[in-house]
Amino acid sequence: MEKLTKKEEEIMEFFWDKGPLFVKEILDLYPEPKPHFNTVSTMVRILETKGYVNHKVYGNTHQYFATVDKKEFGHIFLKDVINKFFGNSYKNAVSALVSDEEISPEDLKDLLNDIENDKN
């Protein structure tokens, strides 16, 4: 899937938190100063062309909804980061987390135990 801009990710967060929304409802979720209605509408249509949202028609308006859940998006993003920064090696990514003390060796052992237990 195509990458998202920060603003597009922000709109996706609204969908993931609130569910299906009309553009007016998305606009209401923004703090002041709010973006222009047409700006939000355009961004939602871009998200639709990228495959992240779809819509249902209600009269002359559209209600949009996410077609990609947050977890799936996280996996897509993680794969991209691992490919770009760790030579497509999950081992290198985990090694970096351990060496930077973002995850302890004990946590890593617990994770491996959890994986082994899930297999059984």
C-alpha atoms as a PDB file:
ATOM      1  CA  MET A   1       0.000   0.000   0.000  1.00  0.00           C
ATOM      2  CA  GLU A   2       1.024   3.575  -0.548  1.00  0.00           C
ATOM      3  CA  LYS A   3       2.582   5.471   2.336  1.00  0.00           C
ATOM      4  CA  LEU A   4       0.572   8.035   4.236  1.00  0.00           C
ATOM      5  CA  THR A   5       1.464  11.602   5.086  1.00  0.00           C
ATOM      6  CA  LYS A   6       1.290  12.738   8.720  1.00  0.00           C
ATOM      7  CA  LYS A   7      -2.012  14.515   7.983  1.00  0.00           C
ATOM      8  CA  GLU A   8      -3.447  11.393   6.361  1.00  0.00           C
ATOM      9  CA  GLU A   9      -2.368   9.309   9.362  1.00  0.00           C
ATOM     10  CA  GLU A  10      -4.094  11.857  11.600  1.00  0.00           C
ATOM     11  CA  ILE A  11      -7.367  11.354   9.723  1.00  0.00           C
ATOM     12  CA  MET A  12      -6.949   7.577   9.847  1.00  0.00           C
ATOM     13  CA  GLU A  13      -6.617   7.854  13.648  1.00  0.00           C
ATOM     14  CA  PHE A  14     -10.069   9.483  13.678  1.00  0.00           C
ATOM     15  CA  PHE A  15     -11.511   6.536  11.750  1.00  0.00           C
ATOM     16  CA  TRP A  16      -9.762   3.991  13.968  1.00  0.00           C
ATOM     17  CA  ASP A  17     -10.951   5.748  17.132  1.00  0.00           C
ATOM     18  CA  LYS A  18     -14.482   6.704  16.071  1.00  0.00           C
ATOM     19  CA  GLY A  19     -15.512   4.368  13.249  1.00  0.00           C
ATOM     20  CA  PRO A  20     -17.401   5.557  10.140  1.00  0.00           C
ATOM     21  CA  LEU A  21     -17.514   9.348   9.780  1.00  0.00           C
ATOM     22  CA  PHE A  22     -18.871  12.070   7.533  1.00  0.00           C
ATOM     23  CA  VAL A  23     -16.377  14.798   6.543  1.00  0.00           C
ATOM     24  CA  LYS A  24     -18.254  17.268   8.791  1.00  0.00           C
ATOM     25  CA  GLU A  25     -17.756  14.911  11.751  1.00  0.00           C
ATOM     26  CA  ILE A  26     -14.032  14.625  10.975  1.00  0.00           C
ATOM     27  CA  LEU A  27     -13.797  18.401  10.858  1.00  0.00           C
ATOM     28  CA  ASP A  28     -15.480  18.616  14.275  1.00  0.00           C
ATOM     29  CA  LEU A  29     -12.741  16.386  15.747  1.00  0.00           C
ATOM     30  CA  TYR A  30      -9.991  18.886  14.907  1.00  0.00           C
ATOM     31  CA  PRO A  31      -8.965  21.488  17.467  1.00  0.00           C
ATOM     32  CA  GLU A  32      -8.996  25.175  16.553  1.00  0.00           C
ATOM     33  CA  PRO A  33      -7.944  26.439  14.116  1.00  0.00           C
ATOM     34  CA  LYS A  34      -9.786  23.831  12.093  1.00  0.00           C
ATOM     35  CA  PRO A  35      -8.737  23.053   8.531  1.00  0.00           C
ATOM     36  CA  HIS A  36     -11.096  24.022   5.723  1.00  0.00           C
ATOM     37  CA  PHE A  37     -13.884  21.562   4.868  1.00  0.00           C
ATOM     38  CA  ASN A  38     -12.599  21.165   1.295  1.00  0.00           C
ATOM     39  CA  THR A  39      -9.094  20.340   2.565  1.00  0.00           C
ATOM     40  CA  VAL A  40     -10.396  17.531   4.776  1.00  0.00           C
ATOM     41  CA  SER A  41     -12.686  16.282   2.020  1.00  0.00           C
ATOM     42  CA  THR A  42      -9.783  16.153  -0.437  1.00  0.00           C
ATOM     43  CA  MET A  43      -7.574  14.303   2.050  1.00  0.00           C
ATOM     44  CA  VAL A  44     -10.302  11.708   2.681  1.00  0.00           C
ATOM     45  CA  ARG A  45     -10.724  11.157  -1.064  1.00  0.00           C
ATOM     46  CA  ILE A  46      -6.935  10.707  -1.366  1.00  0.00           C
ATOM     47  CA  LEU A  47      -7.097   8.104   1.421  1.00  0.00           C
ATOM     48  CA  GLU A  48      -9.823   6.401  -0.595  1.00  0.00           C
ATOM     49  CA  THR A  49      -7.703   6.318  -3.760  1.00  0.00           C
ATOM     50  CA  LYS A  50      -4.830   4.865  -1.702  1.00  0.00           C
ATOM     51  CA  GLY A  51      -7.169   2.102  -0.497  1.00  0.00           C
ATOM     52  CA  TYR A  52      -7.297   3.040   3.180  1.00  0.00           C
ATOM     53  CA  VAL A  53     -10.953   4.127   3.271  1.00  0.00           C
ATOM     54  CA  ASN A  54     -14.177   3.537   1.378  1.00  0.00           C
ATOM     55  CA  HIS A  55     -17.595   5.148   1.587  1.00  0.00           C
ATOM     56  CA  LYS A  56     -21.344   4.598   1.690  1.00  0.00           C
ATOM     57  CA  VAL A  57     -23.628   7.037  -0.074  1.00  0.00           C
ATOM     58  CA  TYR A  58     -26.445   8.671   1.906  1.00  0.00           C
ATOM     59  CA  GLY A  59     -28.391  10.956  -0.379  1.00  0.00           C
ATOM     60  CA  ASN A  60     -25.955  13.592  -1.588  1.00  0.00           C
ATOM     61  CA  THR A  61     -23.318  12.919   1.087  1.00  0.00           C
ATOM     62  CA  HIS A  62     -20.805  10.194   1.830  1.00  0.00           C
ATOM     63  CA  GLN A  63     -19.946   8.433   5.060  1.00  0.00           C
ATOM     64  CA  TYR A  64     -16.373   7.166   5.030  1.00  0.00           C
ATOM     65  CA  PHE A  65     -14.934   4.189   6.886  1.00  0.00           C
ATOM     66  CA  ALA A  66     -11.498   2.606   7.260  1.00  0.00           C
ATOM     67  CA  THR A  67     -10.754  -0.435   5.133  1.00  0.00           C
ATOM     68  CA  VAL A  68      -7.415  -1.032   6.893  1.00  0.00           C
ATOM     69  CA  ASP A  69      -7.401  -1.501  10.650  1.00  0.00           C
ATOM     70  CA  LYS A  70      -4.767   0.068  12.859  1.00  0.00           C
ATOM     71  CA  LYS A  71      -2.961  -3.218  13.536  1.00  0.00           C
ATOM     72  CA  GLU A  72      -2.704  -3.997   9.819  1.00  0.00           C
ATOM     73  CA  PHE A  73      -1.385  -0.481   9.186  1.00  0.00           C
ATOM     74  CA  GLY A  74       1.191  -0.999  11.945  1.00  0.00           C
ATOM     75  CA  HIS A  75       2.400  -4.187  10.280  1.00  0.00           C
ATOM     76  CA  ILE A  76       2.706  -2.430   6.913  1.00  0.00           C
ATOM     77  CA  PHE A  77       4.622   0.440   8.515  1.00  0.00           C
ATOM     78  CA  LEU A  78       6.887  -1.923  10.498  1.00  0.00           C
ATOM     79  CA  LYS A  79       7.749  -3.941   7.392  1.00  0.00           C
ATOM     80  CA  ASP A  80       8.668  -0.724   5.587  1.00  0.00           C
ATOM     81  CA  VAL A  81      10.912   0.441   8.463  1.00  0.00           C
ATOM     82  CA  ILE A  82      12.645  -2.944   8.716  1.00  0.00           C
ATOM     83  CA  ASN A  83      13.182  -3.033   4.968  1.00  0.00           C
ATOM     84  CA  LYS A  84      14.465   0.537   4.775  1.00  0.00           C
ATOM     85  CA  PHE A  85      16.620   0.742   7.912  1.00  0.00           C
ATOM     86  CA  PHE A  86      17.575  -2.843   8.750  1.00  0.00           C
ATOM     87  CA  GLY A  87      18.241  -4.392   5.345  1.00  0.00           C
ATOM     88  CA  ASN A  88      14.945  -6.285   5.470  1.00  0.00           C
ATOM     89  CA  SER A  89      16.277  -8.237   8.471  1.00  0.00           C
ATOM     90  CA  TYR A  90      13.980  -8.670  11.459  1.00  0.00           C
ATOM     91  CA  LYS A  91      16.955 -10.115  13.335  1.00  0.00           C
ATOM     92  CA  ASN A  92      18.900  -6.874  12.807  1.00  0.00           C
ATOM     93  CA  ALA A  93      15.888  -4.850  13.987  1.00  0.00           C
ATOM     94  CA  VAL A  94      15.509  -6.879  17.188  1.00  0.00           C
ATOM     95  CA  SER A  95      19.269  -6.779  17.742  1.00  0.00           C
ATOM     96  CA  ALA A  96      19.165  -2.982  17.509  1.00  0.00           C
ATOM     97  CA  LEU A  97      16.372  -2.858  20.099  1.00  0.00           C
ATOM     98  CA  VAL A  98      18.380  -5.043  22.468  1.00  0.00           C
ATOM     99  CA  SER A  99      21.639  -3.132  21.970  1.00  0.00           C
ATOM    100  CA  ASP A 100      19.827   0.200  22.486  1.00  0.00           C
ATOM    101  CA  GLU A 101      18.283  -1.275  25.650  1.00  0.00           C
ATOM    102  CA  GLU A 102      14.763  -0.728  24.278  1.00  0.00           C
ATOM    103  CA  ILE A 103      14.044  -4.369  25.082  1.00  0.00           C
ATOM    104  CA  SER A 104      15.885  -6.379  27.702  1.00  0.00           C
ATOM    105  CA  PRO A 105      17.308  -9.842  27.092  1.00  0.00           C
ATOM    106  CA  GLU A 106      14.829 -11.089  29.727  1.00  0.00           C
ATOM    107  CA  ASP A 107      11.915  -9.569  27.805  1.00  0.00           C
ATOM    108  CA  LEU A 108      13.255 -11.185  24.654  1.00  0.00           C
ATOM    109  CA  LYS A 109      13.389 -14.578  26.384  1.00  0.00           C
ATOM    110  CA  ASP A 110       9.803 -14.074  27.616  1.00  0.00           C
ATOM    111  CA  LEU A 111       8.740 -13.211  24.073  1.00  0.00           C
ATOM    112  CA  LEU A 112      10.395 -16.352  22.721  1.00  0.00           C
ATOM    113  CA  ASN A 113       8.655 -18.435  25.408  1.00  0.00           C
ATOM    114  CA  ASP A 114       5.310 -16.854  24.476  1.00  0.00           C
ATOM    115  CA  ILE A 115       5.919 -17.687  20.813  1.00  0.00           C
ATOM    116  CA  GLU A 116       6.830 -21.282  21.644  1.00  0.00           C
ATOM    117  CA  ASN A 117       3.716 -21.632  23.845  1.00  0.00           C
ATOM    118  CA  ASP A 118       1.506 -20.225  21.068  1.00  0.00           C
ATOM    119  CA  LYS A 119       2.829 -22.883  18.676  1.00  0.00           C
ATOM    120  CA  ASN A 120       1.756 -25.678  21.045  1.00  0.00           C
END
